[in-house]
Amino acid sequence: MTIHTDTAMIRFQDLRQEFVLGNETFTALDGVNLDIADGEFVTVVGPSGCGKSTMLNAAAGLLDPTGGQVLVDNRPVTGPSPRTGVIFQQYALFPWLTVRKNVEFGLELKKVPAAERRVIVDHYLELVGLTRFAEALPKELSGGMKQRCAIARAYAVNPEILLMDEPFGALDALTRVHMQEQLLETWLKERRTVLFVTHDVDEAVYLASRVIVMAARPGRIHKVIPVDLPYPRTADIRLTDEYAKLRAEVWESVYHQPAAHGADDQH
């Protein structure tokens, strides 16, 4: 299946990814074609083993594709880039640095002057609601606050693209909903291009302008479902008939597929 948009910020072009597991070769992705427009919020959902994380890692330049390629702004991805921010389920904060210093870290690497760094960090701490905790250490933060810090750190270096792999997967249900709402508020202000991987159908529908449903083994695009719900979105939208129909359509597409066989979705 080939999905194209008029203006692609991210393009997956006949992407194929294989891994050697013992004496066998495992095909994680086979012929993935997808365009993601500049400023679009796309979620990827699918059964375990469908290659969601592999797809994101290829876009981040963390994998060398077996076949095909990923292009960002029409340029092949050959490795990690400052144009791309990556946020994983594990927060990966430096435990010995304060919230401010964690957010500032990438700016220091870029040799941004101290006064400018402070302005940028202050802006993103306010954006994610952590201004009062600027001098706190990660051990003093809740799980949701740690993830907000990770998001602020990714935003601070001004990436054009955010790649997010189950960023809220370890949070409790209420915190997860709050983080979803806050992420959308931030996205509406900043309009980065977002590729968001999740196992949660409700999360996929709530956040996205399009939901990409993957099929497992070999990983490929099963269905693309437009989410024609207006932004900004609040929790109340989950109570509407339109939302319920979209959620049911995604659920049907994800869970009524042939059973996958082989290794778990660990790549």
Protein backbone atom coordinates (compact mmCIF):
# COMPACT_ATOMS: atom_id res chain seq x y z
CA MET A 1 0.00 0.00 0.00
CA THR A 2 1.27 3.45 -0.94
CA ILE A 3 -0.02 6.53 0.86
CA HIS A 4 1.06 9.91 -0.49
CA THR A 5 0.42 13.49 0.57
CA ASP A 6 1.09 16.65 -1.39
CA THR A 7 3.90 17.87 0.85
CA ALA A 8 5.83 15.16 2.68
CA MET A 9 8.09 16.00 5.61
CA ILE A 10 8.70 12.28 6.26
CA ARG A 11 8.56 9.72 3.47
CA PHE A 12 8.85 5.97 3.92
CA GLN A 13 9.73 4.57 0.53
CA ASP A 14 9.50 0.80 0.02
CA LEU A 15 11.00 0.38 3.49
CA ARG A 16 12.13 -3.11 4.37
CA GLN A 17 13.85 -4.10 7.60
CA GLU A 18 15.22 -7.55 8.45
CA PHE A 19 16.92 -8.80 11.61
CA VAL A 20 18.93 -11.96 12.11
CA LEU A 21 17.68 -13.94 15.10
CA GLY A 22 19.90 -16.95 15.66
CA ASN A 23 19.88 -18.95 12.44
CA GLU A 24 16.79 -17.26 11.08
CA THR A 25 16.06 -13.96 9.37
CA PHE A 26 13.08 -12.07 10.74
CA THR A 27 11.34 -9.53 8.49
CA ALA A 28 10.09 -6.68 10.69
CA LEU A 29 8.92 -4.41 7.84
CA ASP A 30 8.17 -5.27 4.25
CA GLY A 31 7.44 -2.61 1.64
CA VAL A 32 6.20 0.26 3.84
CA ASN A 33 5.23 3.35 1.85
CA LEU A 34 3.89 6.37 3.67
CA ASP A 35 4.06 10.16 3.45
CA ILE A 36 3.61 12.36 6.52
CA ALA A 37 2.93 16.02 5.79
CA ASP A 38 4.73 18.95 7.39
CA GLY A 39 2.98 19.75 10.67
CA GLU A 40 0.84 16.61 10.64
CA PHE A 41 0.16 14.49 13.75
CA VAL A 42 0.14 10.81 12.76
CA THR A 43 -0.26 7.86 15.12
CA VAL A 44 0.82 4.29 14.37
CA VAL A 45 -1.00 1.41 16.03
CA GLY A 46 -1.08 -2.33 15.45
CA PRO A 47 -0.69 -5.77 16.97
CA SER A 48 2.46 -6.78 18.79
CA GLY A 49 5.20 -7.63 16.32
CA CYS A 50 4.01 -5.35 13.53
CA GLY A 51 7.17 -3.25 13.44
CA LYS A 52 5.85 0.04 14.84
CA SER A 53 9.02 0.78 16.79
CA THR A 54 11.19 -0.40 13.91
CA MET A 55 9.47 2.10 11.65
CA LEU A 56 10.09 4.93 14.13
CA ASN A 57 13.72 3.93 14.69
CA ALA A 58 14.32 3.96 10.94
CA ALA A 59 12.89 7.48 10.74
CA ALA A 60 15.17 8.50 13.61
CA GLY A 61 18.24 7.22 11.78
CA LEU A 62 18.88 4.56 14.41
CA LEU A 63 18.66 1.70 11.90
CA ASP A 64 20.10 1.07 8.45
CA PRO A 65 17.21 -0.22 6.31
CA THR A 66 17.63 -3.57 4.59
CA GLY A 67 15.79 -2.12 1.62
CA GLY A 68 14.13 1.12 0.58
CA GLN A 69 14.71 4.34 2.49
CA VAL A 70 13.29 7.04 4.72
CA LEU A 71 13.47 10.63 3.52
CA VAL A 72 13.07 13.78 5.60
CA ASP A 73 12.32 16.85 3.53
CA ASN A 74 13.34 14.81 0.46
CA ARG A 75 16.76 13.93 1.90
CA PRO A 76 17.65 10.33 2.80
CA VAL A 77 17.97 9.65 6.53
CA THR A 78 21.50 8.33 7.15
CA GLY A 79 21.73 8.78 10.93
CA PRO A 80 20.39 10.79 13.87
CA SER A 81 19.77 14.46 13.12
CA PRO A 82 19.22 17.59 15.23
CA ARG A 83 16.17 18.17 13.04
CA THR A 84 14.52 15.24 14.78
CA GLY A 85 13.62 14.85 18.45
CA VAL A 86 13.01 11.33 19.77
CA ILE A 87 11.04 10.53 22.92
CA PHE A 88 10.83 6.97 24.24
CA GLN A 89 8.73 5.36 26.97
CA GLN A 90 11.68 5.54 29.34
CA TYR A 91 12.37 9.16 30.16
CA ALA A 92 16.19 8.96 29.81
CA LEU A 93 16.72 12.00 32.02
CA PHE A 94 20.10 12.60 33.62
CA PRO A 95 19.38 11.87 37.30
CA TRP A 96 22.15 14.18 38.56
CA LEU A 97 20.86 17.21 36.63
CA THR A 98 17.95 19.43 37.58
CA VAL A 99 14.91 19.79 35.35
CA ARG A 100 16.36 23.03 33.97
CA LYS A 101 19.75 21.46 33.27
CA ASN A 102 18.14 18.43 31.58
CA VAL A 103 16.15 20.68 29.26
CA GLU A 104 19.22 22.84 28.65
CA PHE A 105 21.52 19.92 27.83
CA GLY A 106 21.03 19.85 24.05
CA LEU A 107 21.35 23.62 23.85
CA GLU A 108 24.72 23.46 25.59
CA LEU A 109 25.88 20.87 23.06
CA LYS A 110 24.86 23.29 20.31
CA LYS A 111 26.85 26.02 22.10
CA VAL A 112 23.85 28.32 22.41
CA PRO A 113 24.85 31.36 24.57
CA ALA A 114 23.82 31.18 28.23
CA ALA A 115 21.37 34.08 28.13
CA GLU A 116 19.61 32.67 25.08
CA ARG A 117 19.54 29.20 26.66
CA ARG A 118 17.74 30.56 29.70
CA VAL A 119 15.05 32.23 27.59
CA ILE A 120 14.47 29.06 25.59
CA VAL A 121 14.38 26.79 28.64
CA ASP A 122 12.02 29.13 30.49
CA HIS A 123 9.68 29.10 27.51
CA TYR A 124 9.44 25.32 27.28
CA LEU A 125 9.24 24.77 31.03
CA GLU A 126 6.24 27.09 31.03
CA LEU A 127 4.79 25.32 27.99
CA VAL A 128 4.81 21.92 29.75
CA GLY A 129 3.90 23.29 33.17
CA LEU A 130 7.20 22.69 34.97
CA THR A 131 8.33 26.23 35.79
CA ARG A 132 7.89 25.65 39.53
CA PHE A 133 10.03 22.51 39.34
CA ALA A 134 12.95 23.94 37.38
CA GLU A 135 15.45 23.22 40.15
CA ALA A 136 14.08 19.79 41.09
CA LEU A 137 15.95 16.56 40.40
CA PRO A 138 14.25 13.78 38.39
CA LYS A 139 13.87 11.62 41.52
CA GLU A 140 11.62 14.33 42.95
CA LEU A 141 9.22 14.21 39.99
CA SER A 142 6.21 12.04 39.23
CA GLY A 143 6.18 9.89 36.10
CA GLY A 144 4.09 12.42 34.20
CA MET A 145 6.39 15.26 35.19
CA LYS A 146 9.45 13.31 34.06
CA GLN A 147 7.85 12.74 30.67
CA ARG A 148 6.95 16.43 30.43
CA CYS A 149 10.59 17.22 31.13
CA ALA A 150 11.64 14.84 28.35
CA ILE A 151 9.20 16.54 25.96
CA ALA A 152 10.50 19.99 26.91
CA ARG A 153 14.07 18.83 26.32
CA ALA A 154 13.13 17.52 22.87
CA TYR A 155 11.34 20.76 21.98
CA ALA A 156 14.10 23.03 23.29
CA VAL A 157 16.55 22.15 20.50
CA ASN A 158 13.91 23.23 17.99
CA PRO A 159 13.41 19.99 16.04
CA GLU A 160 11.17 20.02 13.02
CA ILE A 161 10.03 16.47 13.75
CA LEU A 162 9.05 14.65 16.94
CA LEU A 163 9.21 10.86 16.96
CA MET A 164 7.46 9.41 20.01
CA ASP A 165 7.55 5.70 20.91
CA GLU A 166 4.96 4.80 23.57
CA PRO A 167 5.88 7.92 25.57
CA PHE A 168 2.92 7.55 27.95
CA GLY A 169 2.89 3.77 28.19
CA ALA A 170 4.24 3.64 31.77
CA LEU A 171 1.82 6.22 33.20
CA ASP A 172 -1.41 5.62 35.12
CA ALA A 173 -4.67 6.19 33.23
CA LEU A 174 -5.49 9.67 34.57
CA THR A 175 -1.95 10.97 34.12
CA ARG A 176 -1.90 9.50 30.61
CA VAL A 177 -5.07 11.40 29.64
CA HIS A 178 -3.64 14.62 31.07
CA MET A 179 -0.39 14.14 29.14
CA GLN A 180 -2.32 13.51 25.91
CA GLU A 181 -4.21 16.78 26.38
CA GLN A 182 -1.02 18.67 27.18
CA LEU A 183 0.81 17.21 24.19
CA LEU A 184 -1.96 18.35 21.86
CA GLU A 185 -1.93 21.85 23.40
CA THR A 186 1.83 22.04 22.80
CA TRP A 187 1.52 20.67 19.27
CA LEU A 188 -1.15 23.22 18.37
CA LYS A 189 1.17 26.02 19.51
CA GLU A 190 4.36 24.67 17.92
CA ARG A 191 3.05 22.62 14.96
CA ARG A 192 5.90 20.14 14.74
CA THR A 193 5.51 17.07 12.54
CA VAL A 194 4.72 14.20 14.92
CA LEU A 195 4.95 10.44 14.42
CA PHE A 196 3.54 8.79 17.55
CA VAL A 197 3.68 5.01 18.13
CA THR A 198 1.21 3.47 20.57
CA HIS A 199 -0.53 0.22 21.48
CA ASP A 200 -3.55 2.16 22.75
CA VAL A 201 -6.39 2.54 20.23
CA ASP A 202 -8.10 5.30 22.22
CA GLU A 203 -4.85 7.27 22.42
CA ALA A 204 -4.25 6.81 18.69
CA VAL A 205 -7.66 8.23 17.78
CA TYR A 206 -7.63 11.07 20.30
CA LEU A 207 -4.30 12.51 19.19
CA ALA A 208 -4.09 12.00 15.46
CA SER A 209 -5.21 13.55 12.24
CA ARG A 210 -4.56 10.11 10.71
CA VAL A 211 -4.20 6.69 12.29
CA ILE A 212 -1.89 4.23 10.52
CA VAL A 213 -2.91 0.65 11.32
CA MET A 214 -0.12 -1.88 10.84
CA ALA A 215 -0.43 -5.57 10.05
CA ALA A 216 2.00 -8.01 11.59
CA ARG A 217 4.64 -10.25 10.12
CA PRO A 218 5.86 -9.03 7.93
CA GLY A 219 5.07 -5.51 9.13
CA ARG A 220 3.15 -3.48 6.57
CA ILE A 221 0.43 -0.85 6.40
CA HIS A 222 -2.96 -2.49 6.78
CA LYS A 223 -5.21 0.58 6.75
CA VAL A 224 -5.06 4.37 7.01
CA ILE A 225 -7.95 5.96 8.89
CA PRO A 226 -8.46 9.76 8.72
CA VAL A 227 -9.63 11.28 12.00
CA ASP A 228 -12.03 14.01 10.95
CA LEU A 229 -12.43 15.54 14.39
CA PRO A 230 -11.67 19.22 14.99
CA TYR A 231 -8.76 20.55 17.01
CA PRO A 232 -8.42 21.60 19.76
CA ARG A 233 -9.72 18.41 21.38
CA THR A 234 -10.79 17.93 24.96
CA ALA A 235 -11.71 14.84 26.96
CA ASP A 236 -15.40 15.43 26.14
CA ILE A 237 -14.80 14.49 22.52
CA ARG A 238 -14.41 10.89 23.68
CA LEU A 239 -18.13 10.88 24.55
CA THR A 240 -19.33 11.72 21.02
CA ASP A 241 -20.81 9.28 18.53
CA GLU A 242 -18.25 10.32 15.90
CA TYR A 243 -15.39 9.43 18.23
CA ALA A 244 -16.97 6.10 19.14
CA LYS A 245 -17.33 5.17 15.46
CA LEU A 246 -13.70 6.03 14.69
CA ARG A 247 -12.47 4.14 17.73
CA ALA A 248 -14.51 1.08 16.70
CA GLU A 249 -13.12 1.27 13.16
CA VAL A 250 -9.53 1.39 14.40
CA TRP A 251 -10.18 -1.36 16.94
CA GLU A 252 -11.67 -3.59 14.25
CA SER A 253 -8.70 -2.94 11.94
CA VAL A 254 -6.12 -3.67 14.64
CA TYR A 255 -7.57 -6.69 16.38
CA HIS A 256 -9.37 -8.55 13.61
CA GLN A 257 -6.19 -9.52 11.79
CA PRO A 258 -4.60 -12.95 11.37
CA ALA A 259 -2.63 -13.95 14.47
CA ALA A 260 1.10 -13.09 14.33
CA HIS A 261 3.76 -15.68 14.91
CA GLY A 262 7.36 -15.33 16.06
CA ALA A 263 9.30 -12.88 18.22
CA ASP A 264 7.63 -10.13 20.20
CA ASP A 265 7.74 -6.52 19.01
CA GLN A 266 11.12 -5.76 20.49
CA HIS A 267 12.73 -3.85 17.63
